[in-house]
Amino acid sequence: MITINILTKFHKDWMKTVTSIVYTSLTKFHEDWMKYVISIVYTSDLINILTKFHKDWMKTATSIINILTKFRKDWMKTVTSTVFTNIVDGRTHTRTTDARHHTVT
C-alpha cells in the first residue's frame, strides 16, 4: 500500500511538473509568436503606407515636372515667336554708324 501511495504521489507530482513545463513552454511560445506576427503585420502596414506615400509623391512630382516642362515649351514658343517677329519687322537689326556705335531702329 505504501508503494502504491508513493507511486501515485510521484505520478501526481510528475503530472503537475510536466503540465507546468508544457503550459509554460506553450505560453512562452505563444507570446513570442504573437510578438513576431504583430511585428510582421506592423511592418507590412508600414511598408504599405510608405508605398502609398511614394506613389502619391511620384504623381505630384510628375505633375509638377509636366507643368514646368509645359511652361518651358510655352515660354520657348513665345520667345522664339517674339524674336522671329522682331527680326522680320526689322526692329532688331542694328546699323553701325561711322563711330562704330550700334543703334537700334
N, C-alpha and C. Protein backbone atom coordinates (compact mmCIF):
# COMPACT_ATOMS: atom_id res chain seq x y z
N MET A 1 0.81 -1.18 0.00
CA MET A 1 0.00 0.00 0.00
C MET A 1 0.86 1.26 0.00
N ILE A 2 1.93 1.22 0.75
CA ILE A 2 2.83 2.37 0.79
C ILE A 2 3.48 2.57 -0.58
N THR A 3 3.82 1.51 -1.23
CA THR A 3 4.44 1.60 -2.54
C THR A 3 3.47 2.23 -3.54
N ILE A 4 2.24 1.85 -3.49
CA ILE A 4 1.24 2.42 -4.40
C ILE A 4 1.04 3.90 -4.10
N ASN A 5 1.00 4.25 -2.83
CA ASN A 5 0.85 5.66 -2.47
C ASN A 5 2.04 6.49 -2.96
N ILE A 6 3.22 5.93 -2.81
CA ILE A 6 4.42 6.65 -3.26
C ILE A 6 4.39 6.80 -4.78
N LEU A 7 4.03 5.74 -5.48
CA LEU A 7 3.95 5.83 -6.94
C LEU A 7 2.84 6.78 -7.38
N THR A 8 1.74 6.74 -6.70
CA THR A 8 0.64 7.64 -7.03
C THR A 8 1.07 9.08 -6.79
N LYS A 9 1.72 9.32 -5.64
CA LYS A 9 2.19 10.68 -5.35
C LYS A 9 3.23 11.11 -6.40
N PHE A 10 4.14 10.20 -6.71
CA PHE A 10 5.14 10.52 -7.73
C PHE A 10 4.45 10.85 -9.06
N HIS A 11 3.49 10.04 -9.42
CA HIS A 11 2.77 10.26 -10.68
C HIS A 11 2.05 11.61 -10.67
N LYS A 12 1.39 11.94 -9.56
CA LYS A 12 0.70 13.23 -9.46
C LYS A 12 1.69 14.38 -9.55
N ASP A 13 2.79 14.26 -8.82
CA ASP A 13 3.82 15.31 -8.86
C ASP A 13 4.41 15.43 -10.26
N TRP A 14 4.66 14.27 -10.86
CA TRP A 14 5.23 14.26 -12.20
C TRP A 14 4.26 14.92 -13.19
N MET A 15 2.98 14.63 -13.07
CA MET A 15 1.97 15.23 -13.96
C MET A 15 1.90 16.75 -13.76
N LYS A 16 1.98 17.19 -12.52
CA LYS A 16 1.97 18.63 -12.25
C LYS A 16 3.20 19.29 -12.87
N THR A 17 4.34 18.65 -12.70
CA THR A 17 5.58 19.20 -13.24
C THR A 17 5.54 19.26 -14.77
N VAL A 18 5.16 18.17 -15.37
CA VAL A 18 5.11 18.11 -16.84
C VAL A 18 4.07 19.10 -17.37
N THR A 19 2.91 19.14 -16.75
CA THR A 19 1.87 20.06 -17.18
C THR A 19 2.35 21.50 -17.06
N SER A 20 3.01 21.80 -15.97
CA SER A 20 3.52 23.15 -15.76
C SER A 20 4.57 23.50 -16.82
N ILE A 21 5.47 22.57 -17.10
CA ILE A 21 6.52 22.81 -18.10
C ILE A 21 5.90 23.01 -19.48
N VAL A 22 4.98 22.14 -19.84
CA VAL A 22 4.34 22.25 -21.16
C VAL A 22 3.56 23.55 -21.26
N TYR A 23 2.79 23.87 -20.22
CA TYR A 23 1.99 25.10 -20.23
C TYR A 23 2.90 26.33 -20.34
N THR A 24 3.96 26.34 -19.54
CA THR A 24 4.89 27.47 -19.58
C THR A 24 5.55 27.58 -20.95
N SER A 25 5.95 26.46 -21.50
CA SER A 25 6.59 26.47 -22.83
C SER A 25 5.63 26.96 -23.90
N LEU A 26 4.41 26.47 -23.87
CA LEU A 26 3.42 26.90 -24.87
C LEU A 26 3.07 28.37 -24.71
N THR A 27 2.95 28.81 -23.47
CA THR A 27 2.64 30.22 -23.22
C THR A 27 3.77 31.09 -23.74
N LYS A 28 5.00 30.71 -23.44
CA LYS A 28 6.16 31.47 -23.91
C LYS A 28 6.21 31.46 -25.44
N PHE A 29 5.99 30.28 -26.03
CA PHE A 29 5.99 30.17 -27.48
C PHE A 29 4.89 31.06 -28.08
N HIS A 30 3.73 31.02 -27.49
CA HIS A 30 2.60 31.81 -27.97
C HIS A 30 2.91 33.31 -27.89
N GLU A 31 3.49 33.74 -26.76
CA GLU A 31 3.83 35.16 -26.62
C GLU A 31 4.86 35.58 -27.66
N ASP A 32 5.89 34.77 -27.84
CA ASP A 32 6.92 35.08 -28.84
C ASP A 32 6.32 35.08 -30.24
N TRP A 33 5.48 34.11 -30.51
CA TRP A 33 4.85 34.01 -31.82
C TRP A 33 3.97 35.22 -32.09
N MET A 34 3.21 35.65 -31.09
CA MET A 34 2.34 36.81 -31.25
C MET A 34 3.17 38.08 -31.48
N LYS A 35 4.27 38.22 -30.76
CA LYS A 35 5.15 39.37 -30.99
C LYS A 35 5.66 39.36 -32.43
N TYR A 36 6.04 38.20 -32.91
CA TYR A 36 6.54 38.06 -34.27
C TYR A 36 5.45 38.41 -35.29
N VAL A 37 4.25 37.88 -35.08
CA VAL A 37 3.15 38.14 -36.01
C VAL A 37 2.78 39.62 -35.98
N ILE A 38 2.70 40.21 -34.81
CA ILE A 38 2.38 41.64 -34.70
C ILE A 38 3.46 42.46 -35.39
N SER A 39 4.72 42.06 -35.22
CA SER A 39 5.82 42.76 -35.88
C SER A 39 5.69 42.69 -37.40
N ILE A 40 5.33 41.51 -37.91
CA ILE A 40 5.15 41.35 -39.36
C ILE A 40 3.99 42.21 -39.85
N VAL A 41 2.88 42.18 -39.13
CA VAL A 41 1.71 42.97 -39.54
C VAL A 41 2.05 44.45 -39.49
N TYR A 42 2.72 44.90 -38.43
CA TYR A 42 3.10 46.30 -38.31
C TYR A 42 4.03 46.70 -39.45
N THR A 43 5.03 45.87 -39.71
CA THR A 43 5.98 46.16 -40.79
C THR A 43 5.27 46.19 -42.13
N SER A 44 4.38 45.25 -42.35
CA SER A 44 3.62 45.20 -43.61
C SER A 44 2.77 46.45 -43.78
N ASP A 45 2.08 46.87 -42.71
CA ASP A 45 1.28 48.09 -42.77
C ASP A 45 2.15 49.30 -43.03
N LEU A 46 3.30 49.36 -42.38
CA LEU A 46 4.21 50.48 -42.57
C LEU A 46 4.71 50.52 -44.01
N ILE A 47 5.05 49.37 -44.57
CA ILE A 47 5.50 49.31 -45.96
C ILE A 47 4.38 49.76 -46.89
N ASN A 48 3.15 49.33 -46.62
CA ASN A 48 2.02 49.76 -47.45
C ASN A 48 1.82 51.26 -47.38
N ILE A 49 1.94 51.83 -46.19
CA ILE A 49 1.78 53.28 -46.02
C ILE A 49 2.88 54.01 -46.78
N LEU A 50 4.13 53.54 -46.64
CA LEU A 50 5.24 54.19 -47.33
C LEU A 50 5.12 54.04 -48.84
N THR A 51 4.65 52.88 -49.29
CA THR A 51 4.47 52.67 -50.73
C THR A 51 3.41 53.61 -51.27
N LYS A 52 2.30 53.75 -50.54
CA LYS A 52 1.23 54.66 -50.96
C LYS A 52 1.74 56.10 -50.98
N PHE A 53 2.50 56.48 -49.93
CA PHE A 53 3.07 57.83 -49.89
C PHE A 53 3.98 58.04 -51.09
N HIS A 54 4.81 57.05 -51.42
CA HIS A 54 5.73 57.18 -52.54
C HIS A 54 4.97 57.32 -53.85
N LYS A 55 3.90 56.51 -54.02
CA LYS A 55 3.11 56.61 -55.25
C LYS A 55 2.46 57.98 -55.36
N ASP A 56 1.87 58.47 -54.26
CA ASP A 56 1.25 59.79 -54.26
C ASP A 56 2.29 60.87 -54.54
N TRP A 57 3.46 60.73 -53.93
CA TRP A 57 4.52 61.71 -54.12
C TRP A 57 4.98 61.70 -55.58
N MET A 58 5.09 60.51 -56.17
CA MET A 58 5.51 60.41 -57.56
C MET A 58 4.49 61.06 -58.49
N LYS A 59 3.19 60.88 -58.20
CA LYS A 59 2.17 61.53 -59.01
C LYS A 59 2.32 63.04 -58.93
N THR A 60 2.53 63.56 -57.72
CA THR A 60 2.68 65.00 -57.53
C THR A 60 3.94 65.51 -58.22
N ALA A 61 5.05 64.82 -58.02
CA ALA A 61 6.32 65.24 -58.63
C ALA A 61 6.23 65.19 -60.15
N THR A 62 5.63 64.15 -60.68
CA THR A 62 5.48 64.03 -62.13
C THR A 62 4.59 65.14 -62.66
N SER A 63 3.54 65.46 -61.94
CA SER A 63 2.64 66.53 -62.34
C SER A 63 3.39 67.87 -62.36
N ILE A 64 4.19 68.12 -61.33
CA ILE A 64 4.97 69.37 -61.27
C ILE A 64 5.96 69.43 -62.43
N ILE A 65 6.62 68.31 -62.70
CA ILE A 65 7.58 68.28 -63.82
C ILE A 65 6.86 68.54 -65.13
N ASN A 66 5.68 67.95 -65.32
CA ASN A 66 4.92 68.19 -66.54
C ASN A 66 4.52 69.66 -66.67
N ILE A 67 4.12 70.27 -65.56
CA ILE A 67 3.75 71.69 -65.59
C ILE A 67 4.95 72.54 -65.96
N LEU A 68 6.11 72.24 -65.34
CA LEU A 68 7.32 73.02 -65.64
C LEU A 68 7.76 72.81 -67.08
N THR A 69 7.66 71.59 -67.57
CA THR A 69 8.02 71.31 -68.96
C THR A 69 7.10 72.06 -69.91
N LYS A 70 5.81 72.05 -69.63
CA LYS A 70 4.85 72.77 -70.46
C LYS A 70 5.14 74.27 -70.42
N PHE A 71 5.41 74.79 -69.23
CA PHE A 71 5.74 76.21 -69.11
C PHE A 71 6.97 76.54 -69.95
N ARG A 72 8.00 75.69 -69.89
CA ARG A 72 9.22 75.95 -70.65
C ARG A 72 8.95 75.91 -72.15
N LYS A 73 8.15 74.92 -72.58
CA LYS A 73 7.82 74.84 -74.01
C LYS A 73 7.04 76.08 -74.45
N ASP A 74 6.05 76.48 -73.65
CA ASP A 74 5.28 77.68 -73.98
C ASP A 74 6.17 78.91 -73.99
N TRP A 75 7.08 79.00 -73.01
CA TRP A 75 7.98 80.14 -72.92
C TRP A 75 8.89 80.18 -74.15
N MET A 76 9.41 79.01 -74.57
CA MET A 76 10.27 78.96 -75.75
C MET A 76 9.52 79.37 -77.01
N LYS A 77 8.26 78.96 -77.13
CA LYS A 77 7.46 79.37 -78.29
C LYS A 77 7.26 80.88 -78.29
N THR A 78 6.98 81.42 -77.12
CA THR A 78 6.75 82.87 -77.01
C THR A 78 8.01 83.64 -77.34
N VAL A 79 9.13 83.24 -76.77
CA VAL A 79 10.40 83.94 -77.01
C VAL A 79 10.80 83.80 -78.48
N THR A 80 10.70 82.59 -79.01
CA THR A 80 11.06 82.37 -80.41
C THR A 80 10.17 83.20 -81.33
N SER A 81 8.90 83.22 -81.05
CA SER A 81 7.97 83.99 -81.86
C SER A 81 8.27 85.48 -81.78
N THR A 82 8.56 85.96 -80.57
CA THR A 82 8.87 87.39 -80.39
C THR A 82 10.14 87.77 -81.13
N VAL A 83 11.19 86.96 -81.00
CA VAL A 83 12.45 87.25 -81.67
C VAL A 83 12.26 87.18 -83.18
N PHE A 84 11.59 86.15 -83.66
CA PHE A 84 11.36 86.00 -85.10
C PHE A 84 10.55 87.18 -85.63
N THR A 85 9.51 87.58 -84.91
CA THR A 85 8.68 88.71 -85.34
C THR A 85 9.50 89.99 -85.38
N ASN A 86 10.35 90.21 -84.39
CA ASN A 86 11.17 91.41 -84.36
C ASN A 86 12.19 91.42 -85.49
N ILE A 87 12.73 90.25 -85.83
CA ILE A 87 13.69 90.18 -86.94
C ILE A 87 12.97 90.47 -88.26
N VAL A 88 11.81 89.88 -88.44
CA VAL A 88 11.06 90.08 -89.67
C VAL A 88 10.63 91.53 -89.81
N ASP A 89 10.21 92.15 -88.71
CA ASP A 89 9.79 93.55 -88.74
C ASP A 89 10.97 94.50 -88.88
N GLY A 90 12.16 94.03 -88.64
CA GLY A 90 13.33 94.87 -88.76
C GLY A 90 13.64 95.61 -87.48
N ARG A 91 12.99 95.28 -86.40
CA ARG A 91 13.22 96.00 -85.14
C ARG A 91 14.51 95.59 -84.46
N THR A 92 15.04 94.44 -84.77
CA THR A 92 16.26 94.01 -84.08
C THR A 92 17.50 94.16 -84.93
N HIS A 93 17.36 94.65 -86.16
CA HIS A 93 18.54 94.87 -86.98
C HIS A 93 19.25 96.13 -86.49
N THR A 94 20.53 96.04 -86.42
CA THR A 94 21.30 97.21 -85.99
C THR A 94 22.11 97.73 -87.16
N ARG A 95 22.27 99.01 -87.15
CA ARG A 95 23.14 99.63 -88.15
C ARG A 95 24.32 100.24 -87.44
N THR A 96 25.44 100.21 -88.08
CA THR A 96 26.64 100.75 -87.48
C THR A 96 26.88 102.14 -88.07
N THR A 97 27.11 103.08 -87.18
CA THR A 97 27.43 104.43 -87.63
C THR A 97 28.92 104.50 -87.88
N ASP A 98 29.36 105.63 -88.34
CA ASP A 98 30.79 105.78 -88.62
C ASP A 98 31.62 105.66 -87.36
N ALA A 99 31.08 106.02 -86.23
CA ALA A 99 31.83 105.95 -84.97
C ALA A 99 31.77 104.53 -84.38
N ARG A 100 31.20 103.62 -85.11
CA ARG A 100 31.09 102.22 -84.72
C ARG A 100 30.19 102.01 -83.51
N HIS A 101 29.21 102.90 -83.34
CA HIS A 101 28.21 102.72 -82.29
C HIS A 101 27.01 102.02 -82.90
N HIS A 102 26.46 101.08 -82.18
CA HIS A 102 25.28 100.37 -82.67
C HIS A 102 24.03 101.11 -82.25
N THR A 103 23.14 101.27 -83.18
CA THR A 103 21.86 101.89 -82.86
C THR A 103 20.76 100.95 -83.28
N VAL A 104 19.73 100.90 -82.49
CA VAL A 104 18.59 100.05 -82.80
C VAL A 104 17.53 100.91 -83.44
N THR A 105 17.01 100.43 -84.57
CA THR A 105 15.96 101.20 -85.24
C THR A 105 14.66 100.46 -85.16
